[in-house]
Amino acid sequence: MSKLPSYFIVESSALPEVFLKVAQAKCLLDTGEVETVNQATQRVGISRSAFYKYKDALRPFNDMLHGRIVTFQILLKDEPGVLSSVLNIFAQTGGNILTINQGIPVGGCAAVNIGAETSALAVSMEELLDRALKVDGVLRCEILAG
């Protein structure tokens, strides 16, 4: 039998309730809304043992990407300045561009892969994607690998 991968991306609605409550408790601690694990677990309604059992195995997707090299795939209209505007978004938010690979435009569109180091981002990964999507001429922007 083949070995399963160590990590999975799972939509939160498919997770058991205890995982969601552990994530809520971690959020309460991270934001300073509570000071202790005991306060956090009482507030969300789980035991401290459940919290400690799962706390290190559960992270939001954007935290998994933080501090890593991430590959973004972006579909742009073949118009002057669109790629430059996208690169400015990375510069403004603290993304360190490592590689840019743009395909030859076909049908008025060009696919661009951007490799970026994300540990210094001043915004969340979702915010970076949203800002890039708002650039006039960006048709699609998503994380390809990270």
C-alpha atoms as a PDB file:
ATOM      1  CA  MET A   1       0.000   0.000   0.000  1.00  0.00           C
ATOM      2  CA  SER A   2       1.303   3.477  -0.885  1.00  0.00           C
ATOM      3  CA  LYS A   3       2.124   5.955   1.862  1.00  0.00           C
ATOM      4  CA  LEU A   4      -0.313   8.838   2.346  1.00  0.00           C
ATOM      5  CA  PRO A   5       0.963  12.416   2.233  1.00  0.00           C
ATOM      6  CA  SER A   6       1.734  14.085   5.561  1.00  0.00           C
ATOM      7  CA  TYR A   7      -0.445  17.143   4.894  1.00  0.00           C
ATOM      8  CA  PHE A   8      -3.882  17.752   3.417  1.00  0.00           C
ATOM      9  CA  ILE A   9      -5.897  20.855   2.631  1.00  0.00           C
ATOM     10  CA  VAL A  10      -9.426  20.279   3.879  1.00  0.00           C
ATOM     11  CA  GLU A  11     -12.370  22.670   3.751  1.00  0.00           C
ATOM     12  CA  SER A  12     -13.316  23.679   7.305  1.00  0.00           C
ATOM     13  CA  SER A  13     -16.911  22.469   6.897  1.00  0.00           C
ATOM     14  CA  ALA A  14     -15.593  18.894   6.505  1.00  0.00           C
ATOM     15  CA  LEU A  15     -13.581  18.939   9.743  1.00  0.00           C
ATOM     16  CA  PRO A  16     -14.827  17.446  13.003  1.00  0.00           C
ATOM     17  CA  GLU A  17     -16.129  20.060  15.425  1.00  0.00           C
ATOM     18  CA  VAL A  18     -13.216  19.579  17.843  1.00  0.00           C
ATOM     19  CA  PHE A  19     -10.732  20.771  15.193  1.00  0.00           C
ATOM     20  CA  LEU A  20     -12.754  23.918  14.578  1.00  0.00           C
ATOM     21  CA  LYS A  21     -12.921  24.619  18.301  1.00  0.00           C
ATOM     22  CA  VAL A  22      -9.170  24.120  18.669  1.00  0.00           C
ATOM     23  CA  ALA A  23      -8.681  26.620  15.821  1.00  0.00           C
ATOM     24  CA  GLN A  24     -11.032  29.073  17.573  1.00  0.00           C
ATOM     25  CA  ALA A  25      -9.150  28.657  20.849  1.00  0.00           C
ATOM     26  CA  LYS A  26      -5.811  29.261  19.128  1.00  0.00           C
ATOM     27  CA  CYS A  27      -7.240  32.403  17.526  1.00  0.00           C
ATOM     28  CA  LEU A  28      -8.422  33.698  20.897  1.00  0.00           C
ATOM     29  CA  LEU A  29      -4.932  33.185  22.297  1.00  0.00           C
ATOM     30  CA  ASP A  30      -3.191  34.700  19.264  1.00  0.00           C
ATOM     31  CA  THR A  31      -5.340  37.839  19.289  1.00  0.00           C
ATOM     32  CA  GLY A  32      -5.015  38.314  23.048  1.00  0.00           C
ATOM     33  CA  GLU A  33      -8.756  38.030  23.669  1.00  0.00           C
ATOM     34  CA  VAL A  34      -7.882  35.520  26.392  1.00  0.00           C
ATOM     35  CA  GLU A  35      -4.665  35.102  28.336  1.00  0.00           C
ATOM     36  CA  THR A  36      -4.590  31.387  29.119  1.00  0.00           C
ATOM     37  CA  VAL A  37      -5.324  28.082  27.434  1.00  0.00           C
ATOM     38  CA  ASN A  38      -7.829  27.386  30.187  1.00  0.00           C
ATOM     39  CA  GLN A  39      -9.778  30.559  29.358  1.00  0.00           C
ATOM     40  CA  ALA A  40      -9.682  29.783  25.621  1.00  0.00           C
ATOM     41  CA  THR A  41     -10.872  26.189  25.995  1.00  0.00           C
ATOM     42  CA  GLN A  42     -13.649  27.189  28.382  1.00  0.00           C
ATOM     43  CA  ARG A  43     -14.845  29.881  25.995  1.00  0.00           C
ATOM     44  CA  VAL A  44     -15.058  27.524  22.983  1.00  0.00           C
ATOM     45  CA  GLY A  45     -16.294  24.513  24.958  1.00  0.00           C
ATOM     46  CA  ILE A  46     -13.535  21.911  24.689  1.00  0.00           C
ATOM     47  CA  SER A  47     -11.240  20.238  27.193  1.00  0.00           C
ATOM     48  CA  ARG A  48      -7.661  21.347  27.638  1.00  0.00           C
ATOM     49  CA  SER A  49      -6.528  17.833  26.728  1.00  0.00           C
ATOM     50  CA  ALA A  50      -8.319  18.071  23.355  1.00  0.00           C
ATOM     51  CA  PHE A  51      -6.663  21.434  22.761  1.00  0.00           C
ATOM     52  CA  TYR A  52      -3.186  20.102  23.537  1.00  0.00           C
ATOM     53  CA  LYS A  53      -3.784  16.953  21.494  1.00  0.00           C
ATOM     54  CA  TYR A  54      -4.504  18.871  18.259  1.00  0.00           C
ATOM     55  CA  LYS A  55      -2.997  22.369  18.666  1.00  0.00           C
ATOM     56  CA  ASP A  56       0.274  21.640  16.855  1.00  0.00           C
ATOM     57  CA  ALA A  57      -1.356  19.712  14.010  1.00  0.00           C
ATOM     58  CA  LEU A  58      -3.883  22.370  13.020  1.00  0.00           C
ATOM     59  CA  ARG A  59      -3.067  25.640  11.243  1.00  0.00           C
ATOM     60  CA  PRO A  60      -4.960  27.961   8.913  1.00  0.00           C
ATOM     61  CA  PHE A  61      -3.886  27.672   5.285  1.00  0.00           C
ATOM     62  CA  ASN A  62      -2.323  31.138   5.216  1.00  0.00           C
ATOM     63  CA  ASP A  63      -0.173  30.258   8.263  1.00  0.00           C
ATOM     64  CA  MET A  64       1.128  27.184   6.461  1.00  0.00           C
ATOM     65  CA  LEU A  65       2.293  29.434   3.649  1.00  0.00           C
ATOM     66  CA  HIS A  66       3.803  32.113   5.877  1.00  0.00           C
ATOM     67  CA  GLY A  67       7.576  32.140   5.700  1.00  0.00           C
ATOM     68  CA  ARG A  68       7.754  30.006   2.612  1.00  0.00           C
ATOM     69  CA  ILE A  69       8.328  30.261  -1.074  1.00  0.00           C
ATOM     70  CA  VAL A  70       4.969  30.378  -2.809  1.00  0.00           C
ATOM     71  CA  THR A  71       4.238  30.093  -6.524  1.00  0.00           C
ATOM     72  CA  PHE A  72       1.410  32.263  -7.792  1.00  0.00           C
ATOM     73  CA  GLN A  73      -0.254  31.636 -11.143  1.00  0.00           C
ATOM     74  CA  ILE A  74      -1.757  34.729 -12.704  1.00  0.00           C
ATOM     75  CA  LEU A  75      -3.657  35.121 -15.967  1.00  0.00           C
ATOM     76  CA  LEU A  76      -3.239  38.606 -17.431  1.00  0.00           C
ATOM     77  CA  LYS A  77      -4.654  40.452 -20.386  1.00  0.00           C
ATOM     78  CA  ASP A  78      -1.939  41.180 -22.942  1.00  0.00           C
ATOM     79  CA  GLU A  79      -1.862  44.919 -22.251  1.00  0.00           C
ATOM     80  CA  PRO A  80       1.055  47.194 -21.359  1.00  0.00           C
ATOM     81  CA  GLY A  81       1.604  47.749 -17.633  1.00  0.00           C
ATOM     82  CA  VAL A  82      -0.561  44.928 -16.247  1.00  0.00           C
ATOM     83  CA  LEU A  83       2.357  42.793 -15.066  1.00  0.00           C
ATOM     84  CA  SER A  84       4.100  45.874 -13.690  1.00  0.00           C
ATOM     85  CA  SER A  85       0.992  46.726 -11.644  1.00  0.00           C
ATOM     86  CA  VAL A  86       0.886  43.202 -10.207  1.00  0.00           C
ATOM     87  CA  LEU A  87       4.571  43.350  -9.295  1.00  0.00           C
ATOM     88  CA  ASN A  88       3.916  46.673  -7.522  1.00  0.00           C
ATOM     89  CA  ILE A  89       1.300  44.922  -5.348  1.00  0.00           C
ATOM     90  CA  PHE A  90       3.960  42.418  -4.267  1.00  0.00           C
ATOM     91  CA  ALA A  91       6.426  45.235  -3.537  1.00  0.00           C
ATOM     92  CA  GLN A  92       3.866  47.248  -1.540  1.00  0.00           C
ATOM     93  CA  THR A  93       2.852  44.267   0.611  1.00  0.00           C
ATOM     94  CA  GLY A  94       6.347  42.928   1.361  1.00  0.00           C
ATOM     95  CA  GLY A  95       6.449  39.971  -1.020  1.00  0.00           C
ATOM     96  CA  ASN A  96       9.976  39.225  -2.228  1.00  0.00           C
ATOM     97  CA  ILE A  97       9.830  38.193  -5.896  1.00  0.00           C
ATOM     98  CA  LEU A  98      12.276  35.401  -6.682  1.00  0.00           C
ATOM     99  CA  THR A  99      11.220  34.326 -10.185  1.00  0.00           C
ATOM    100  CA  ILE A 100       8.914  35.478 -12.961  1.00  0.00           C
ATOM    101  CA  ASN A 101       7.988  33.186 -15.815  1.00  0.00           C
ATOM    102  CA  GLN A 102       5.638  34.608 -18.432  1.00  0.00           C
ATOM    103  CA  GLY A 103       4.332  32.570 -21.330  1.00  0.00           C
ATOM    104  CA  ILE A 104       3.825  33.968 -24.812  1.00  0.00           C
ATOM    105  CA  PRO A 105       0.393  35.633 -25.000  1.00  0.00           C
ATOM    106  CA  VAL A 106      -2.266  33.553 -26.733  1.00  0.00           C
ATOM    107  CA  GLY A 107      -5.727  34.890 -27.484  1.00  0.00           C
ATOM    108  CA  GLY A 108      -4.979  38.196 -25.795  1.00  0.00           C
ATOM    109  CA  CYS A 109      -3.968  36.575 -22.474  1.00  0.00           C
ATOM    110  CA  ALA A 110      -0.669  35.560 -20.895  1.00  0.00           C
ATOM    111  CA  ALA A 111      -0.057  33.130 -18.039  1.00  0.00           C
ATOM    112  CA  VAL A 112       2.533  34.295 -15.501  1.00  0.00           C
ATOM    113  CA  ASN A 113       4.039  32.258 -12.692  1.00  0.00           C
ATOM    114  CA  ILE A 114       5.605  34.282  -9.894  1.00  0.00           C
ATOM    115  CA  GLY A 115       7.755  32.653  -7.226  1.00  0.00           C
ATOM    116  CA  ALA A 116       7.843  34.790  -4.085  1.00  0.00           C
ATOM    117  CA  GLU A 117       9.154  34.505  -0.547  1.00  0.00           C
ATOM    118  CA  THR A 118       6.272  35.453   1.739  1.00  0.00           C
ATOM    119  CA  SER A 119       7.679  35.703   5.269  1.00  0.00           C
ATOM    120  CA  ALA A 120       7.717  39.524   5.243  1.00  0.00           C
ATOM    121  CA  LEU A 121       4.158  39.998   3.959  1.00  0.00           C
ATOM    122  CA  ALA A 122       2.420  42.866   5.724  1.00  0.00           C
ATOM    123  CA  VAL A 123      -0.990  41.475   4.700  1.00  0.00           C
ATOM    124  CA  SER A 124      -2.588  38.029   4.657  1.00  0.00           C
ATOM    125  CA  MET A 125      -2.187  35.776   1.662  1.00  0.00           C
ATOM    126  CA  GLU A 126      -5.896  36.261   0.906  1.00  0.00           C
ATOM    127  CA  GLU A 127      -5.472  40.039   0.929  1.00  0.00           C
ATOM    128  CA  LEU A 128      -2.532  39.804  -1.469  1.00  0.00           C
ATOM    129  CA  LEU A 129      -4.617  37.690  -3.862  1.00  0.00           C
ATOM    130  CA  ASP A 130      -7.571  40.096  -3.556  1.00  0.00           C
ATOM    131  CA  ARG A 131      -5.392  43.123  -4.308  1.00  0.00           C
ATOM    132  CA  ALA A 132      -3.868  41.435  -7.344  1.00  0.00           C
ATOM    133  CA  LEU A 133      -7.317  40.488  -8.645  1.00  0.00           C
ATOM    134  CA  LYS A 134      -8.415  44.124  -8.417  1.00  0.00           C
ATOM    135  CA  VAL A 135      -5.711  45.203 -10.876  1.00  0.00           C
ATOM    136  CA  ASP A 136      -7.295  46.106 -14.199  1.00  0.00           C
ATOM    137  CA  GLY A 137      -6.265  43.372 -16.631  1.00  0.00           C
ATOM    138  CA  VAL A 138      -5.843  40.542 -14.104  1.00  0.00           C
ATOM    139  CA  LEU A 139      -8.251  37.760 -15.013  1.00  0.00           C
ATOM    140  CA  ARG A 140      -7.195  35.144 -12.456  1.00  0.00           C
ATOM    141  CA  CYS A 141      -4.768  34.972  -9.541  1.00  0.00           C
ATOM    142  CA  GLU A 142      -4.262  31.862  -7.423  1.00  0.00           C
ATOM    143  CA  ILE A 143      -1.683  29.972  -5.432  1.00  0.00           C
ATOM    144  CA  LEU A 144      -0.188  27.191  -7.510  1.00  0.00           C
ATOM    145  CA  ALA A 145       2.197  25.756  -4.922  1.00  0.00           C
ATOM    146  CA  GLY A 146       3.657  26.680  -1.576  1.00  0.00           C
END
